[in-house]
Amino acid sequence: MHAEAGQVIDGADAKALAQMGITRTNDGLTLNVATLNAAIAATPDKVAQLFSAPGT
C-alpha cells in the first residue's frame, strides 16, 4: 500500500495533496484526517478527480 500511495504523490500536484491533508515526510506519507475530511466535504469532486486521474 505504501508504494501505491507514493505513486499517488509522485503523479499528483503536491500542493493539491497538501490541501487535502496528504504530505510526504522523510518517513513516508502523513495523512491529516481532519483536513482530508474537510476537503471531501467542501469539494468532493476535486478529491475524487485527484485520485482517479490517469497515472495515480
Protein backbone atom coordinates (compact mmCIF):
# COMPACT_ATOMS: atom_id res chain seq x y z
CA MET A 1 0.00 0.00 0.00
CA HIS A 2 2.86 2.37 0.74
CA ALA A 3 4.10 2.01 -2.84
CA GLU A 4 0.67 2.85 -4.25
CA ALA A 5 0.39 5.90 -2.01
CA GLY A 6 3.83 7.02 -3.15
CA GLN A 7 2.70 6.75 -6.75
CA VAL A 8 -0.27 8.99 -5.97
CA ILE A 9 2.12 11.57 -4.56
CA ASP A 10 4.54 11.26 -7.48
CA GLY A 11 1.80 11.62 -10.08
CA ALA A 12 -0.14 14.44 -8.44
CA ASP A 13 0.30 18.05 -7.54
CA ALA A 14 1.96 18.14 -4.12
CA LYS A 15 0.20 21.42 -3.25
CA ALA A 16 -3.21 19.93 -4.06
CA LEU A 17 -2.43 16.89 -1.94
CA ALA A 18 -1.24 19.05 0.94
CA GLN A 19 -4.50 21.00 0.79
CA MET A 20 -6.22 17.65 1.27
CA GLY A 21 -4.04 16.73 4.23
CA ILE A 22 -1.62 14.39 2.45
CA THR A 23 2.07 15.22 2.69
CA ARG A 24 5.35 13.42 2.17
CA THR A 25 7.85 13.28 5.00
CA ASN A 26 11.25 11.64 5.37
CA ASP A 27 9.47 8.66 6.94
CA GLY A 28 6.85 8.28 4.20
CA LEU A 29 3.41 9.83 3.98
CA THR A 30 1.41 11.73 6.56
CA LEU A 31 -2.36 11.96 6.49
CA ASN A 32 -4.23 14.66 8.36
CA VAL A 33 -7.66 13.05 8.58
CA ALA A 34 -9.43 16.25 9.63
CA THR A 35 -8.04 18.15 6.65
CA LEU A 36 -8.92 15.33 4.26
CA ASN A 37 -12.45 15.08 5.62
CA ALA A 38 -12.87 18.86 5.28
CA ALA A 39 -11.65 18.71 1.67
CA ILE A 40 -14.04 15.86 0.89
CA ALA A 41 -16.93 17.78 2.43
CA ALA A 42 -16.08 21.03 0.64
CA THR A 43 -15.03 19.73 -2.79
CA PRO A 44 -15.71 16.01 -3.16
CA ASP A 45 -15.40 16.19 -6.94
CA LYS A 46 -11.86 17.59 -6.75
CA VAL A 47 -10.79 14.94 -4.25
CA ALA A 48 -12.24 12.18 -6.42
CA GLN A 49 -10.66 13.66 -9.53
CA LEU A 50 -7.23 13.69 -7.92
CA PHE A 51 -7.42 10.01 -7.00
CA SER A 52 -8.92 8.91 -10.31
CA ALA A 53 -6.57 10.84 -12.60
CA PRO A 54 -4.54 8.74 -15.06
CA GLY A 55 -1.20 7.74 -13.58
CA THR A 56 -2.38 7.92 -9.97
